[in-house]
Amino acid sequence: MKKLLITAVFASLSLFATEKEVNMKVNGMTCQMCAKSVKETLMTTEGVKDAKIYLKEGKAVVKTEKDIDMKALNEKLKKHGYSAELSK
């Protein structure tokens, strides 16, 4: 019973998790296909709920419920010829 109660409490807390928004500068995007590739890569990253790509500005806005591992994200992007860094 105690284990069930603890599980229920943690499950209910996840319903109230706050969404985070991360702004990133993306290097290497030159066209719409690049932007599509970056978005697809971001969307397949664990924890990413949504990603908006701004080709002209060379940036991405990513929504997530937890912190993003930028090192792992960059490894995924590098496989496609891009890199990213947090922007202010």
N, C-alpha and C. Protein backbone atom coordinates (compact mmCIF):
# COMPACT_ATOMS: atom_id res chain seq x y z
N MET A 1 0.82 -1.19 0.00
CA MET A 1 0.00 0.00 0.00
C MET A 1 0.87 1.27 0.00
N LYS A 2 1.92 1.25 0.83
CA LYS A 2 2.81 2.40 0.92
C LYS A 2 3.50 2.65 -0.43
N LYS A 3 3.93 1.58 -1.09
CA LYS A 3 4.59 1.71 -2.39
C LYS A 3 3.62 2.27 -3.43
N LEU A 4 2.37 1.84 -3.39
CA LEU A 4 1.34 2.32 -4.31
C LEU A 4 1.09 3.80 -4.10
N LEU A 5 1.04 4.24 -2.85
CA LEU A 5 0.82 5.64 -2.52
C LEU A 5 1.98 6.51 -3.02
N ILE A 6 3.20 6.06 -2.82
CA ILE A 6 4.37 6.81 -3.28
C ILE A 6 4.35 6.91 -4.80
N THR A 7 4.04 5.82 -5.48
CA THR A 7 3.96 5.84 -6.94
C THR A 7 2.89 6.82 -7.41
N ALA A 8 1.75 6.85 -6.75
CA ALA A 8 0.66 7.76 -7.11
C ALA A 8 1.07 9.22 -6.92
N VAL A 9 1.79 9.50 -5.85
CA VAL A 9 2.24 10.87 -5.59
C VAL A 9 3.21 11.33 -6.68
N PHE A 10 4.18 10.51 -7.02
CA PHE A 10 5.14 10.88 -8.07
C PHE A 10 4.45 11.02 -9.43
N ALA A 11 3.50 10.18 -9.72
CA ALA A 11 2.76 10.27 -10.98
C ALA A 11 1.97 11.57 -11.05
N SER A 12 1.37 11.97 -9.95
CA SER A 12 0.59 13.22 -9.95
C SER A 12 1.51 14.43 -10.06
N LEU A 13 2.71 14.35 -9.50
CA LEU A 13 3.66 15.46 -9.62
C LEU A 13 4.06 15.68 -11.07
N SER A 14 4.17 14.63 -11.85
CA SER A 14 4.56 14.78 -13.25
C SER A 14 3.50 15.53 -14.04
N LEU A 15 2.25 15.50 -13.58
CA LEU A 15 1.19 16.24 -14.26
C LEU A 15 1.39 17.74 -14.12
N PHE A 16 2.08 18.15 -13.05
CA PHE A 16 2.30 19.56 -12.80
C PHE A 16 3.72 20.02 -13.17
N ALA A 17 4.43 19.20 -13.91
CA ALA A 17 5.80 19.56 -14.31
C ALA A 17 5.75 20.82 -15.17
N THR A 18 6.67 21.71 -14.92
CA THR A 18 6.70 22.93 -15.70
C THR A 18 7.51 22.72 -16.96
N GLU A 19 7.01 23.27 -18.01
CA GLU A 19 7.68 23.17 -19.30
C GLU A 19 8.79 24.21 -19.37
N LYS A 20 9.92 23.81 -19.88
CA LYS A 20 11.05 24.73 -20.03
C LYS A 20 11.20 25.10 -21.50
N GLU A 21 11.70 26.29 -21.75
CA GLU A 21 11.97 26.73 -23.11
C GLU A 21 13.45 27.04 -23.22
N VAL A 22 14.12 26.42 -24.17
CA VAL A 22 15.55 26.59 -24.36
C VAL A 22 15.79 27.23 -25.72
N ASN A 23 16.53 28.33 -25.73
CA ASN A 23 16.89 29.00 -26.98
C ASN A 23 18.30 28.60 -27.36
N MET A 24 18.46 28.17 -28.61
CA MET A 24 19.77 27.72 -29.08
C MET A 24 20.15 28.40 -30.39
N LYS A 25 21.42 28.68 -30.51
CA LYS A 25 21.98 29.14 -31.79
C LYS A 25 22.40 27.86 -32.52
N VAL A 26 21.94 27.71 -33.76
CA VAL A 26 22.26 26.52 -34.54
C VAL A 26 23.17 26.92 -35.68
N ASN A 27 24.32 26.28 -35.77
CA ASN A 27 25.30 26.57 -36.81
C ASN A 27 25.19 25.55 -37.93
N GLY A 28 25.30 26.03 -39.19
CA GLY A 28 25.34 25.13 -40.33
C GLY A 28 24.06 25.07 -41.15
N MET A 29 22.99 25.71 -40.69
CA MET A 29 21.74 25.69 -41.46
C MET A 29 21.82 26.72 -42.59
N THR A 30 21.54 26.26 -43.82
CA THR A 30 21.58 27.17 -44.96
C THR A 30 20.30 27.17 -45.79
N CYS A 31 19.41 26.19 -45.56
CA CYS A 31 18.20 26.09 -46.38
C CYS A 31 17.06 25.45 -45.59
N GLN A 32 15.89 25.37 -46.21
CA GLN A 32 14.73 24.77 -45.55
C GLN A 32 14.95 23.29 -45.23
N MET A 33 15.66 22.58 -46.08
CA MET A 33 15.93 21.18 -45.80
C MET A 33 16.83 21.04 -44.57
N CYS A 34 17.75 21.98 -44.40
CA CYS A 34 18.59 21.99 -43.20
C CYS A 34 17.71 22.17 -41.96
N ALA A 35 16.80 23.14 -42.03
CA ALA A 35 15.92 23.41 -40.91
C ALA A 35 15.07 22.19 -40.59
N LYS A 36 14.59 21.51 -41.62
CA LYS A 36 13.79 20.30 -41.41
C LYS A 36 14.62 19.21 -40.74
N SER A 37 15.85 19.05 -41.18
CA SER A 37 16.74 18.04 -40.60
C SER A 37 17.04 18.34 -39.13
N VAL A 38 17.28 19.60 -38.82
CA VAL A 38 17.55 20.00 -37.44
C VAL A 38 16.33 19.73 -36.58
N LYS A 39 15.14 20.10 -37.08
CA LYS A 39 13.91 19.87 -36.31
C LYS A 39 13.71 18.38 -36.05
N GLU A 40 13.87 17.56 -37.07
CA GLU A 40 13.71 16.12 -36.91
C GLU A 40 14.70 15.56 -35.89
N THR A 41 15.92 16.05 -35.93
CA THR A 41 16.93 15.60 -34.98
C THR A 41 16.55 16.01 -33.56
N LEU A 42 16.11 17.25 -33.39
CA LEU A 42 15.71 17.72 -32.06
C LEU A 42 14.51 16.94 -31.54
N MET A 43 13.54 16.68 -32.41
CA MET A 43 12.32 16.01 -31.97
C MET A 43 12.56 14.55 -31.59
N THR A 44 13.65 13.97 -32.05
CA THR A 44 13.96 12.59 -31.67
C THR A 44 14.90 12.53 -30.46
N THR A 45 15.15 13.68 -29.85
CA THR A 45 15.99 13.75 -28.66
C THR A 45 15.12 13.57 -27.42
N GLU A 46 15.57 12.71 -26.52
CA GLU A 46 14.82 12.42 -25.30
C GLU A 46 14.53 13.69 -24.52
N GLY A 47 13.27 13.86 -24.14
CA GLY A 47 12.86 15.00 -23.33
C GLY A 47 12.34 16.18 -24.13
N VAL A 48 12.57 16.20 -25.44
CA VAL A 48 12.10 17.33 -26.26
C VAL A 48 10.64 17.11 -26.60
N LYS A 49 9.81 18.11 -26.28
CA LYS A 49 8.38 18.05 -26.57
C LYS A 49 8.05 18.76 -27.88
N ASP A 50 8.77 19.84 -28.18
CA ASP A 50 8.51 20.61 -29.39
C ASP A 50 9.76 21.38 -29.76
N ALA A 51 9.90 21.66 -31.03
CA ALA A 51 11.05 22.44 -31.51
C ALA A 51 10.60 23.33 -32.65
N LYS A 52 10.91 24.59 -32.55
CA LYS A 52 10.63 25.55 -33.61
C LYS A 52 11.98 26.02 -34.15
N ILE A 53 12.12 25.99 -35.46
CA ILE A 53 13.37 26.35 -36.10
C ILE A 53 13.19 27.67 -36.84
N TYR A 54 14.14 28.57 -36.67
CA TYR A 54 14.12 29.88 -37.32
C TYR A 54 15.37 29.98 -38.18
N LEU A 55 15.21 29.62 -39.46
CA LEU A 55 16.33 29.53 -40.39
C LEU A 55 17.07 30.85 -40.54
N LYS A 56 16.33 31.94 -40.80
CA LYS A 56 16.98 33.25 -41.02
C LYS A 56 17.79 33.70 -39.83
N GLU A 57 17.28 33.42 -38.63
CA GLU A 57 17.97 33.83 -37.41
C GLU A 57 19.02 32.82 -36.97
N GLY A 58 18.98 31.62 -37.58
CA GLY A 58 19.93 30.57 -37.21
C GLY A 58 19.73 30.09 -35.79
N LYS A 59 18.44 29.93 -35.41
CA LYS A 59 18.19 29.53 -34.03
C LYS A 59 17.07 28.51 -33.96
N ALA A 60 16.97 27.89 -32.79
CA ALA A 60 15.91 26.94 -32.50
C ALA A 60 15.40 27.23 -31.09
N VAL A 61 14.11 27.09 -30.92
CA VAL A 61 13.49 27.22 -29.61
C VAL A 61 12.90 25.85 -29.29
N VAL A 62 13.39 25.26 -28.22
CA VAL A 62 13.02 23.90 -27.86
C VAL A 62 12.24 23.91 -26.55
N LYS A 63 11.12 23.18 -26.53
CA LYS A 63 10.33 23.05 -25.31
C LYS A 63 10.55 21.65 -24.76
N THR A 64 10.82 21.61 -23.46
CA THR A 64 11.12 20.35 -22.80
C THR A 64 10.65 20.40 -21.36
N GLU A 65 10.49 19.24 -20.76
CA GLU A 65 10.11 19.18 -19.35
C GLU A 65 11.32 18.95 -18.45
N LYS A 66 12.48 18.73 -19.05
CA LYS A 66 13.68 18.53 -18.26
C LYS A 66 14.85 19.16 -18.99
N ASP A 67 15.97 19.26 -18.29
CA ASP A 67 17.16 19.84 -18.89
C ASP A 67 17.63 19.00 -20.06
N ILE A 68 18.14 19.67 -21.07
CA ILE A 68 18.66 18.99 -22.25
C ILE A 68 20.15 18.77 -22.07
N ASP A 69 20.61 17.59 -22.41
CA ASP A 69 22.03 17.29 -22.39
C ASP A 69 22.62 17.83 -23.69
N MET A 70 23.20 19.04 -23.62
CA MET A 70 23.70 19.71 -24.82
C MET A 70 24.81 18.92 -25.50
N LYS A 71 25.62 18.22 -24.73
CA LYS A 71 26.70 17.42 -25.33
C LYS A 71 26.11 16.31 -26.20
N ALA A 72 25.13 15.60 -25.67
CA ALA A 72 24.48 14.53 -26.44
C ALA A 72 23.73 15.09 -27.63
N LEU A 73 23.09 16.24 -27.44
CA LEU A 73 22.37 16.89 -28.54
C LEU A 73 23.31 17.27 -29.66
N ASN A 74 24.46 17.84 -29.30
CA ASN A 74 25.45 18.22 -30.31
C ASN A 74 26.00 17.01 -31.06
N GLU A 75 26.17 15.91 -30.37
CA GLU A 75 26.63 14.69 -31.04
C GLU A 75 25.64 14.26 -32.11
N LYS A 76 24.34 14.34 -31.78
CA LYS A 76 23.31 13.99 -32.76
C LYS A 76 23.33 14.97 -33.93
N LEU A 77 23.44 16.26 -33.64
CA LEU A 77 23.43 17.27 -34.70
C LEU A 77 24.67 17.16 -35.59
N LYS A 78 25.83 16.87 -34.99
CA LYS A 78 27.07 16.76 -35.75
C LYS A 78 27.00 15.66 -36.81
N LYS A 79 26.24 14.60 -36.54
CA LYS A 79 26.06 13.53 -37.51
C LYS A 79 25.39 14.03 -38.79
N HIS A 80 24.68 15.17 -38.66
CA HIS A 80 23.99 15.75 -39.82
C HIS A 80 24.66 17.03 -40.30
N GLY A 81 25.80 17.40 -39.70
CA GLY A 81 26.54 18.57 -40.15
C GLY A 81 26.20 19.87 -39.44
N TYR A 82 25.57 19.81 -38.28
CA TYR A 82 25.18 21.02 -37.55
C TYR A 82 25.74 20.99 -36.14
N SER A 83 25.68 22.13 -35.47
CA SER A 83 26.04 22.20 -34.05
C SER A 83 25.15 23.24 -33.41
N ALA A 84 25.02 23.19 -32.09
CA ALA A 84 24.18 24.14 -31.37
C ALA A 84 24.82 24.54 -30.07
N GLU A 85 24.47 25.73 -29.64
CA GLU A 85 24.91 26.23 -28.33
C GLU A 85 23.77 27.03 -27.73
N LEU A 86 23.72 27.07 -26.43
CA LEU A 86 22.69 27.84 -25.77
C LEU A 86 22.87 29.32 -26.07
N SER A 87 21.78 30.00 -26.34
CA SER A 87 21.85 31.43 -26.55
C SER A 87 21.08 32.13 -25.46
N LYS A 88 21.39 33.38 -25.26
CA LYS A 88 20.76 34.14 -24.16
C LYS A 88 19.50 34.81 -24.63
